[in-house]
């Protein structure tokens, strides 16, 4: 009986205040910003357009290998190719969504995603009313990377000098422990470089020409999902806060990780 009470106490600590004890979140106050870039950038980064967002929380750090591997040992999924407090990598979009649901469950939140494994493809439905952990939308990611209401219009997240804020081809050339470099104005680390970060949205090349102004969540369908940030093996120009990547939801590589978000 005493053993059961100890287990219950430990589990309660994990669920304290509805948060995983190792998942540090930063509140991003809602507001409006100019999303995207000019026509001198890659074609899928323009037109620059106004977006307004509600307040939300986002991970202070990228999900670490230590955190992600705890989930993998529970579910039997392949563990991260990195280790310890290095950013988790080798994660597919589908696995990241599953991690978010798992983290919501152990933290006492309603899950954000309904995952249907019937048929040839996994179908994931997002419940925007749920307060659990989820992937950030592409607009939320860029707004947070820019600094939210504290944005300074830097090229990278927190600086115009990539070496101050990012592990990339000229500085790191490998995955690093999260949080070692300068954060941006919101206190978020590694939003440029280290690992590329998965977002919720489907990717569409010309989405910005028709994106809604208020709280956009991406196109209705596509065969690939949005990826942001740039990685440790990218040139500095590929780390810009407006740079867009994409990835099939069932595929990954050693440069791909993620951070979590929550609705306020």
C-alpha atoms as a PDB file:
ATOM      1  CA  UNK A   1       0.000   0.000   0.000  1.00  0.00           C
ATOM      2  CA  UNK A   2       2.844   2.375   0.867  1.00  0.00           C
ATOM      3  CA  UNK A   3       4.450   1.647  -2.548  1.00  0.00           C
ATOM      4  CA  UNK A   4       1.206   2.535  -4.327  1.00  0.00           C
ATOM      5  CA  UNK A   5       0.968   5.819  -2.402  1.00  0.00           C
ATOM      6  CA  UNK A   6       4.541   6.713  -3.354  1.00  0.00           C
ATOM      7  CA  UNK A   7       3.775   6.054  -7.018  1.00  0.00           C
ATOM      8  CA  UNK A   8       0.648   8.187  -6.801  1.00  0.00           C
ATOM      9  CA  UNK A   9       2.649  11.007  -5.180  1.00  0.00           C
ATOM     10  CA  UNK A  10       5.288  10.907  -7.907  1.00  0.00           C
ATOM     11  CA  UNK A  11       2.645  10.882 -10.627  1.00  0.00           C
ATOM     12  CA  UNK A  12       0.955  13.855  -8.958  1.00  0.00           C
ATOM     13  CA  UNK A  13       4.220  15.809  -9.095  1.00  0.00           C
ATOM     14  CA  UNK A  14       4.422  15.249 -12.839  1.00  0.00           C
ATOM     15  CA  UNK A  15       0.858  16.511 -13.192  1.00  0.00           C
ATOM     16  CA  UNK A  16       1.377  19.453 -10.820  1.00  0.00           C
ATOM     17  CA  UNK A  17      -0.399  22.546 -12.183  1.00  0.00           C
ATOM     18  CA  UNK A  18      -1.251  20.574 -15.322  1.00  0.00           C
ATOM     19  CA  UNK A  19       2.322  20.622 -16.631  1.00  0.00           C
ATOM     20  CA  UNK A  20       5.083  18.134 -17.271  1.00  0.00           C
ATOM     21  CA  UNK A  21       7.824  19.130 -14.799  1.00  0.00           C
ATOM     22  CA  UNK A  22      10.434  19.303 -17.573  1.00  0.00           C
ATOM     23  CA  UNK A  23       8.396  21.124 -20.218  1.00  0.00           C
ATOM     24  CA  UNK A  24       9.052  24.829 -19.760  1.00  0.00           C
ATOM     25  CA  UNK A  25       6.578  27.012 -21.602  1.00  0.00           C
ATOM     26  CA  UNK A  26       6.663  30.711 -22.495  1.00  0.00           C
ATOM     27  CA  UNK A  27       3.481  32.759 -22.849  1.00  0.00           C
ATOM     28  CA  UNK A  28       3.331  34.545 -26.199  1.00  0.00           C
ATOM     29  CA  UNK A  29       0.886  37.445 -25.931  1.00  0.00           C
ATOM     30  CA  UNK A  30      -1.399  37.687 -28.940  1.00  0.00           C
ATOM     31  CA  UNK A  31      -1.068  40.402 -31.532  1.00  0.00           C
ATOM     32  CA  UNK A  32      -0.619  41.201 -35.206  1.00  0.00           C
ATOM     33  CA  UNK A  33       2.497  41.033 -37.366  1.00  0.00           C
ATOM     34  CA  UNK A  34       3.649  41.016 -40.960  1.00  0.00           C
ATOM     35  CA  UNK A  35       4.217  37.362 -41.845  1.00  0.00           C
ATOM     36  CA  UNK A  36       6.459  36.292 -44.685  1.00  0.00           C
ATOM     37  CA  UNK A  37       9.057  38.093 -46.752  1.00  0.00           C
ATOM     38  CA  UNK A  38       9.417  40.232 -49.852  1.00  0.00           C
ATOM     39  CA  UNK A  39       9.754  39.064 -53.445  1.00  0.00           C
ATOM     40  CA  UNK A  40      13.535  39.045 -53.070  1.00  0.00           C
ATOM     41  CA  UNK A  41      13.174  35.918 -50.898  1.00  0.00           C
ATOM     42  CA  UNK A  42      12.125  32.387 -51.903  1.00  0.00           C
ATOM     43  CA  UNK A  43       8.851  32.408 -53.813  1.00  0.00           C
ATOM     44  CA  UNK A  44       6.878  30.579 -51.096  1.00  0.00           C
ATOM     45  CA  UNK A  45       7.768  33.281 -48.523  1.00  0.00           C
ATOM     46  CA  UNK A  46       5.713  36.045 -50.131  1.00  0.00           C
ATOM     47  CA  UNK A  47       3.529  37.999 -50.298  1.00  0.00           C
ATOM     48  CA  UNK A  48       4.156  39.497 -46.882  1.00  0.00           C
ATOM     49  CA  UNK A  49       0.763  39.694 -45.225  1.00  0.00           C
ATOM     50  CA  UNK A  50      -0.791  40.720 -41.913  1.00  0.00           C
ATOM     51  CA  UNK A  51      -1.692  37.981 -39.439  1.00  0.00           C
ATOM     52  CA  UNK A  52      -3.407  38.313 -36.054  1.00  0.00           C
ATOM     53  CA  UNK A  53      -3.019  35.620 -33.400  1.00  0.00           C
ATOM     54  CA  UNK A  54      -4.512  34.789 -30.017  1.00  0.00           C
ATOM     55  CA  UNK A  55      -2.189  34.357 -27.055  1.00  0.00           C
ATOM     56  CA  UNK A  56      -0.589  30.913 -26.719  1.00  0.00           C
ATOM     57  CA  UNK A  57       2.220  29.068 -24.978  1.00  0.00           C
ATOM     58  CA  UNK A  58       5.264  27.647 -26.734  1.00  0.00           C
ATOM     59  CA  UNK A  59       8.171  25.545 -25.522  1.00  0.00           C
ATOM     60  CA  UNK A  60      11.131  27.502 -24.216  1.00  0.00           C
ATOM     61  CA  UNK A  61      13.350  24.814 -25.736  1.00  0.00           C
ATOM     62  CA  UNK A  62      13.112  22.218 -28.467  1.00  0.00           C
ATOM     63  CA  UNK A  63      11.949  18.840 -27.147  1.00  0.00           C
ATOM     64  CA  UNK A  64      15.063  17.038 -25.964  1.00  0.00           C
ATOM     65  CA  UNK A  65      16.144  13.472 -26.661  1.00  0.00           C
ATOM     66  CA  UNK A  66      15.742  12.742 -22.959  1.00  0.00           C
ATOM     67  CA  UNK A  67      12.107  13.869 -23.003  1.00  0.00           C
ATOM     68  CA  UNK A  68      11.251  12.224 -26.307  1.00  0.00           C
ATOM     69  CA  UNK A  69      12.909   8.901 -25.470  1.00  0.00           C
ATOM     70  CA  UNK A  70      10.798   8.587 -22.325  1.00  0.00           C
ATOM     71  CA  UNK A  71       7.769   8.611 -24.618  1.00  0.00           C
ATOM     72  CA  UNK A  72       9.414   6.130 -27.006  1.00  0.00           C
ATOM     73  CA  UNK A  73      10.108   3.637 -24.226  1.00  0.00           C
ATOM     74  CA  UNK A  74       6.428   3.805 -23.294  1.00  0.00           C
ATOM     75  CA  UNK A  75       5.132   3.330 -26.837  1.00  0.00           C
ATOM     76  CA  UNK A  76       7.851   1.185 -28.408  1.00  0.00           C
ATOM     77  CA  UNK A  77       8.633   3.759 -31.107  1.00  0.00           C
ATOM     78  CA  UNK A  78      12.233   4.300 -32.300  1.00  0.00           C
ATOM     79  CA  UNK A  79      14.220   6.559 -29.993  1.00  0.00           C
ATOM     80  CA  UNK A  80      15.878   9.828 -30.987  1.00  0.00           C
ATOM     81  CA  UNK A  81      19.199   9.669 -32.793  1.00  0.00           C
ATOM     82  CA  UNK A  82      20.538  12.269 -30.349  1.00  0.00           C
ATOM     83  CA  UNK A  83      20.895  11.898 -26.589  1.00  0.00           C
ATOM     84  CA  UNK A  84      20.411  13.576 -23.223  1.00  0.00           C
ATOM     85  CA  UNK A  85      19.511  17.258 -23.389  1.00  0.00           C
ATOM     86  CA  UNK A  86      20.364  17.534 -27.063  1.00  0.00           C
ATOM     87  CA  UNK A  87      17.400  18.366 -29.285  1.00  0.00           C
ATOM     88  CA  UNK A  88      15.473  15.241 -30.267  1.00  0.00           C
ATOM     89  CA  UNK A  89      15.925  14.330 -33.920  1.00  0.00           C
ATOM     90  CA  UNK A  90      14.847  11.723 -36.444  1.00  0.00           C
ATOM     91  CA  UNK A  91      11.200  12.390 -35.552  1.00  0.00           C
ATOM     92  CA  UNK A  92       8.352  12.155 -38.055  1.00  0.00           C
ATOM     93  CA  UNK A  93       5.375  14.514 -37.994  1.00  0.00           C
ATOM     94  CA  UNK A  94       3.092  11.645 -36.978  1.00  0.00           C
ATOM     95  CA  UNK A  95       5.389  10.694 -34.109  1.00  0.00           C
ATOM     96  CA  UNK A  96       5.521  14.311 -32.933  1.00  0.00           C
ATOM     97  CA  UNK A  97       1.708  14.443 -32.857  1.00  0.00           C
ATOM     98  CA  UNK A  98       1.639  11.214 -30.853  1.00  0.00           C
ATOM     99  CA  UNK A  99       4.174  12.682 -28.419  1.00  0.00           C
ATOM    100  CA  UNK A 100       1.935  15.727 -27.924  1.00  0.00           C
ATOM    101  CA  UNK A 101      -1.046  13.510 -27.066  1.00  0.00           C
ATOM    102  CA  UNK A 102       1.082  11.436 -24.670  1.00  0.00           C
ATOM    103  CA  UNK A 103       2.419  14.551 -22.946  1.00  0.00           C
ATOM    104  CA  UNK A 104      -1.115  15.937 -22.628  1.00  0.00           C
ATOM    105  CA  UNK A 105      -2.271  12.700 -20.986  1.00  0.00           C
ATOM    106  CA  UNK A 106       0.482  12.526 -18.366  1.00  0.00           C
ATOM    107  CA  UNK A 107       0.065  16.247 -17.671  1.00  0.00           C
ATOM    108  CA  UNK A 108      -3.690  16.103 -17.091  1.00  0.00           C
ATOM    109  CA  UNK A 109      -4.809  17.962 -20.216  1.00  0.00           C
ATOM    110  CA  UNK A 110      -7.385  17.076 -22.842  1.00  0.00           C
ATOM    111  CA  UNK A 111      -5.663  15.767 -25.961  1.00  0.00           C
ATOM    112  CA  UNK A 112      -5.591  18.083 -28.944  1.00  0.00           C
ATOM    113  CA  UNK A 113      -5.465  15.367 -31.585  1.00  0.00           C
ATOM    114  CA  UNK A 114      -7.737  12.532 -32.598  1.00  0.00           C
ATOM    115  CA  UNK A 115      -5.684   9.964 -34.501  1.00  0.00           C
ATOM    116  CA  UNK A 116      -7.502   7.573 -36.833  1.00  0.00           C
ATOM    117  CA  UNK A 117      -5.382   4.694 -38.103  1.00  0.00           C
ATOM    118  CA  UNK A 118      -8.075   3.188 -40.325  1.00  0.00           C
ATOM    119  CA  UNK A 119      -7.359   2.996 -44.055  1.00  0.00           C
ATOM    120  CA  UNK A 120      -4.074   3.462 -45.865  1.00  0.00           C
ATOM    121  CA  UNK A 121      -3.207   6.819 -44.263  1.00  0.00           C
ATOM    122  CA  UNK A 122      -3.310   8.045 -40.691  1.00  0.00           C
ATOM    123  CA  UNK A 123      -5.879  10.832 -40.295  1.00  0.00           C
ATOM    124  CA  UNK A 124      -5.255  13.436 -37.595  1.00  0.00           C
ATOM    125  CA  UNK A 125      -8.007  15.806 -36.491  1.00  0.00           C
ATOM    126  CA  UNK A 126      -7.122  18.879 -34.436  1.00  0.00           C
ATOM    127  CA  UNK A 127      -9.444  20.026 -31.650  1.00  0.00           C
ATOM    128  CA  UNK A 128      -8.700  23.771 -31.234  1.00  0.00           C
ATOM    129  CA  UNK A 129     -10.750  23.920 -28.014  1.00  0.00           C
ATOM    130  CA  UNK A 130      -8.464  21.459 -26.208  1.00  0.00           C
ATOM    131  CA  UNK A 131      -5.801  22.926 -23.912  1.00  0.00           C
ATOM    132  CA  UNK A 132      -3.294  20.095 -24.242  1.00  0.00           C
ATOM    133  CA  UNK A 133       0.094  20.035 -25.917  1.00  0.00           C
ATOM    134  CA  UNK A 134       0.271  20.334 -29.681  1.00  0.00           C
ATOM    135  CA  UNK A 135       2.524  21.444 -32.495  1.00  0.00           C
ATOM    136  CA  UNK A 136       2.572  25.200 -33.144  1.00  0.00           C
ATOM    137  CA  UNK A 137       0.881  26.449 -36.280  1.00  0.00           C
ATOM    138  CA  UNK A 138       3.214  27.928 -38.862  1.00  0.00           C
ATOM    139  CA  UNK A 139       1.967  31.442 -38.055  1.00  0.00           C
ATOM    140  CA  UNK A 140       2.457  30.899 -34.312  1.00  0.00           C
ATOM    141  CA  UNK A 141       5.966  29.595 -34.950  1.00  0.00           C
ATOM    142  CA  UNK A 142       7.014  32.627 -37.008  1.00  0.00           C
ATOM    143  CA  UNK A 143       5.392  35.102 -34.608  1.00  0.00           C
ATOM    144  CA  UNK A 144       7.215  33.508 -31.650  1.00  0.00           C
ATOM    145  CA  UNK A 145      10.505  33.304 -33.557  1.00  0.00           C
ATOM    146  CA  UNK A 146      10.253  37.017 -34.373  1.00  0.00           C
ATOM    147  CA  UNK A 147       9.672  37.818 -30.689  1.00  0.00           C
ATOM    148  CA  UNK A 148       5.886  38.261 -30.595  1.00  0.00           C
ATOM    149  CA  UNK A 149       4.976  41.740 -29.371  1.00  0.00           C
ATOM    150  CA  UNK A 150       8.695  42.260 -28.624  1.00  0.00           C
ATOM    151  CA  UNK A 151       9.833  41.612 -32.186  1.00  0.00           C
ATOM    152  CA  UNK A 152      12.860  43.493 -33.488  1.00  0.00           C
ATOM    153  CA  UNK A 153      12.697  42.413 -37.164  1.00  0.00           C
ATOM    154  CA  UNK A 154      15.936  40.470 -36.963  1.00  0.00           C
ATOM    155  CA  UNK A 155      16.924  38.127 -39.788  1.00  0.00           C
ATOM    156  CA  UNK A 156      17.238  35.266 -37.301  1.00  0.00           C
ATOM    157  CA  UNK A 157      15.370  34.558 -34.092  1.00  0.00           C
ATOM    158  CA  UNK A 158      16.930  37.042 -31.685  1.00  0.00           C
ATOM    159  CA  UNK A 159      19.757  38.543 -33.733  1.00  0.00           C
ATOM    160  CA  UNK A 160      21.068  39.604 -37.118  1.00  0.00           C
ATOM    161  CA  UNK A 161      24.217  37.602 -36.317  1.00  0.00           C
ATOM    162  CA  UNK A 162      23.490  33.885 -36.732  1.00  0.00           C
ATOM    163  CA  UNK A 163      26.472  32.956 -34.563  1.00  0.00           C
ATOM    164  CA  UNK A 164      24.788  34.506 -31.511  1.00  0.00           C
ATOM    165  CA  UNK A 165      21.611  32.440 -31.679  1.00  0.00           C
ATOM    166  CA  UNK A 166      22.085  29.404 -33.924  1.00  0.00           C
ATOM    167  CA  UNK A 167      24.010  26.189 -34.391  1.00  0.00           C
ATOM    168  CA  UNK A 168      24.498  25.942 -38.151  1.00  0.00           C
ATOM    169  CA  UNK A 169      27.050  24.934 -40.777  1.00  0.00           C
ATOM    170  CA  UNK A 170      29.580  27.608 -39.839  1.00  0.00           C
ATOM    171  CA  UNK A 171      29.303  27.164 -36.072  1.00  0.00           C
ATOM    172  CA  UNK A 172      28.010  23.773 -34.959  1.00  0.00           C
ATOM    173  CA  UNK A 173      27.844  21.095 -37.671  1.00  0.00           C
ATOM    174  CA  UNK A 174      26.135  18.762 -35.199  1.00  0.00           C
ATOM    175  CA  UNK A 175      23.131  18.671 -32.860  1.00  0.00           C
ATOM    176  CA  UNK A 176      23.716  20.513 -29.592  1.00  0.00           C
ATOM    177  CA  UNK A 177      22.280  20.645 -26.106  1.00  0.00           C
ATOM    178  CA  UNK A 178      19.328  23.037 -26.124  1.00  0.00           C
ATOM    179  CA  UNK A 179      19.581  26.514 -24.615  1.00  0.00           C
ATOM    180  CA  UNK A 180      23.319  27.168 -24.916  1.00  0.00           C
ATOM    181  CA  UNK A 181      23.147  30.245 -27.118  1.00  0.00           C
ATOM    182  CA  UNK A 182      21.404  33.612 -26.831  1.00  0.00           C
ATOM    183  CA  UNK A 183      17.575  33.474 -26.634  1.00  0.00           C
ATOM    184  CA  UNK A 184      15.272  35.782 -28.549  1.00  0.00           C
ATOM    185  CA  UNK A 185      13.342  38.629 -26.910  1.00  0.00           C
ATOM    186  CA  UNK A 186      10.704  36.219 -25.574  1.00  0.00           C
ATOM    187  CA  UNK A 187      13.306  33.975 -23.940  1.00  0.00           C
ATOM    188  CA  UNK A 188      12.987  31.226 -26.580  1.00  0.00           C
ATOM    189  CA  UNK A 189      16.106  29.265 -27.509  1.00  0.00           C
ATOM    190  CA  UNK A 190      17.271  27.642 -30.756  1.00  0.00           C
ATOM    191  CA  UNK A 191      14.433  28.852 -32.963  1.00  0.00           C
ATOM    192  CA  UNK A 192      17.086  29.352 -35.606  1.00  0.00           C
ATOM    193  CA  UNK A 193      19.337  26.360 -36.232  1.00  0.00           C
ATOM    194  CA  UNK A 194      20.085  23.210 -34.203  1.00  0.00           C
ATOM    195  CA  UNK A 195      17.187  21.121 -35.620  1.00  0.00           C
ATOM    196  CA  UNK A 196      14.411  21.998 -38.043  1.00  0.00           C
ATOM    197  CA  UNK A 197      11.033  22.159 -36.299  1.00  0.00           C
ATOM    198  CA  UNK A 198       7.755  20.535 -37.315  1.00  0.00           C
ATOM    199  CA  UNK A 199       4.570  22.622 -37.423  1.00  0.00           C
ATOM    200  CA  UNK A 200       0.910  21.581 -37.567  1.00  0.00           C
ATOM    201  CA  UNK A 201       0.064  23.022 -41.003  1.00  0.00           C
ATOM    202  CA  UNK A 202      -0.137  21.327 -44.336  1.00  0.00           C
ATOM    203  CA  UNK A 203       2.331  22.961 -46.715  1.00  0.00           C
ATOM    204  CA  UNK A 204       1.184  24.719 -49.858  1.00  0.00           C
ATOM    205  CA  UNK A 205       3.582  26.738 -51.993  1.00  0.00           C
ATOM    206  CA  UNK A 206       1.185  29.634 -52.643  1.00  0.00           C
ATOM    207  CA  UNK A 207      -0.735  29.544 -49.364  1.00  0.00           C
ATOM    208  CA  UNK A 208       0.246  33.094 -48.435  1.00  0.00           C
ATOM    209  CA  UNK A 209      -1.787  34.471 -51.354  1.00  0.00           C
ATOM    210  CA  UNK A 210      -5.013  33.271 -49.707  1.00  0.00           C
ATOM    211  CA  UNK A 211      -4.147  32.804 -46.035  1.00  0.00           C
ATOM    212  CA  UNK A 212      -6.803  34.193 -43.662  1.00  0.00           C
ATOM    213  CA  UNK A 213      -5.773  37.075 -41.420  1.00  0.00           C
ATOM    214  CA  UNK A 214      -6.990  35.684 -38.098  1.00  0.00           C
ATOM    215  CA  UNK A 215      -5.349  32.622 -36.535  1.00  0.00           C
ATOM    216  CA  UNK A 216      -4.516  30.736 -39.761  1.00  0.00           C
ATOM    217  CA  UNK A 217      -3.990  26.976 -39.429  1.00  0.00           C
ATOM    218  CA  UNK A 218      -2.838  26.213 -42.972  1.00  0.00           C
ATOM    219  CA  UNK A 219      -4.458  24.674 -46.061  1.00  0.00           C
ATOM    220  CA  UNK A 220      -7.140  22.001 -45.759  1.00  0.00           C
ATOM    221  CA  UNK A 221      -4.973  19.298 -47.300  1.00  0.00           C
ATOM    222  CA  UNK A 222      -1.629  18.453 -48.854  1.00  0.00           C
ATOM    223  CA  UNK A 223       0.806  15.547 -48.953  1.00  0.00           C
ATOM    224  CA  UNK A 224       3.436  17.357 -46.856  1.00  0.00           C
ATOM    225  CA  UNK A 225       3.603  19.362 -43.611  1.00  0.00           C
ATOM    226  CA  UNK A 226       5.368  22.636 -42.836  1.00  0.00           C
ATOM    227  CA  UNK A 227       8.833  22.610 -41.261  1.00  0.00           C
ATOM    228  CA  UNK A 228      10.607  25.718 -39.943  1.00  0.00           C
ATOM    229  CA  UNK A 229      13.898  26.921 -38.388  1.00  0.00           C
ATOM    230  CA  UNK A 230      16.756  25.461 -40.434  1.00  0.00           C
ATOM    231  CA  UNK A 231      19.291  23.063 -38.929  1.00  0.00           C
ATOM    232  CA  UNK A 232      22.874  22.607 -37.795  1.00  0.00           C
ATOM    233  CA  UNK A 233      23.997  21.597 -41.295  1.00  0.00           C
ATOM    234  CA  UNK A 234      22.390  24.566 -43.099  1.00  0.00           C
ATOM    235  CA  UNK A 235      23.964  27.799 -44.307  1.00  0.00           C
ATOM    236  CA  UNK A 236      23.004  30.946 -42.385  1.00  0.00           C
ATOM    237  CA  UNK A 237      20.655  32.164 -45.123  1.00  0.00           C
ATOM    238  CA  UNK A 238      18.535  29.045 -44.603  1.00  0.00           C
ATOM    239  CA  UNK A 239      17.892  29.952 -40.945  1.00  0.00           C
ATOM    240  CA  UNK A 240      15.821  33.103 -41.606  1.00  0.00           C
ATOM    241  CA  UNK A 241      12.639  33.413 -39.547  1.00  0.00           C
ATOM    242  CA  UNK A 242      10.635  33.441 -42.804  1.00  0.00           C
ATOM    243  CA  UNK A 243      12.263  30.377 -44.418  1.00  0.00           C
ATOM    244  CA  UNK A 244       9.814  27.545 -45.123  1.00  0.00           C
ATOM    245  CA  UNK A 245      10.524  23.844 -45.503  1.00  0.00           C
ATOM    246  CA  UNK A 246       8.239  20.844 -45.870  1.00  0.00           C
ATOM    247  CA  UNK A 247       8.284  17.129 -45.073  1.00  0.00           C
ATOM    248  CA  UNK A 248       5.988  14.119 -45.661  1.00  0.00           C
ATOM    249  CA  UNK A 249       4.303  13.245 -42.337  1.00  0.00           C
ATOM    250  CA  UNK A 250       5.692   9.701 -42.236  1.00  0.00           C
ATOM    251  CA  UNK A 251       9.283  10.583 -43.142  1.00  0.00           C
ATOM    252  CA  UNK A 252      12.102  12.121 -41.167  1.00  0.00           C
ATOM    253  CA  UNK A 253      15.845  12.670 -41.145  1.00  0.00           C
ATOM    254  CA  UNK A 254      18.595  13.390 -38.647  1.00  0.00           C
ATOM    255  CA  UNK A 255      18.039  17.181 -38.844  1.00  0.00           C
ATOM    256  CA  UNK A 256      14.332  17.150 -37.911  1.00  0.00           C
ATOM    257  CA  UNK A 257      12.863  17.783 -34.434  1.00  0.00           C
ATOM    258  CA  UNK A 258      10.124  19.921 -32.864  1.00  0.00           C
ATOM    259  CA  UNK A 259       8.912  22.007 -29.936  1.00  0.00           C
ATOM    260  CA  UNK A 260       5.463  21.950 -28.356  1.00  0.00           C
ATOM    261  CA  UNK A 261       2.782  24.610 -27.957  1.00  0.00           C
ATOM    262  CA  UNK A 262      -0.461  24.989 -25.981  1.00  0.00           C
ATOM    263  CA  UNK A 263      -3.486  27.238 -26.334  1.00  0.00           C
ATOM    264  CA  UNK A 264      -3.994  29.688 -23.490  1.00  0.00           C
END
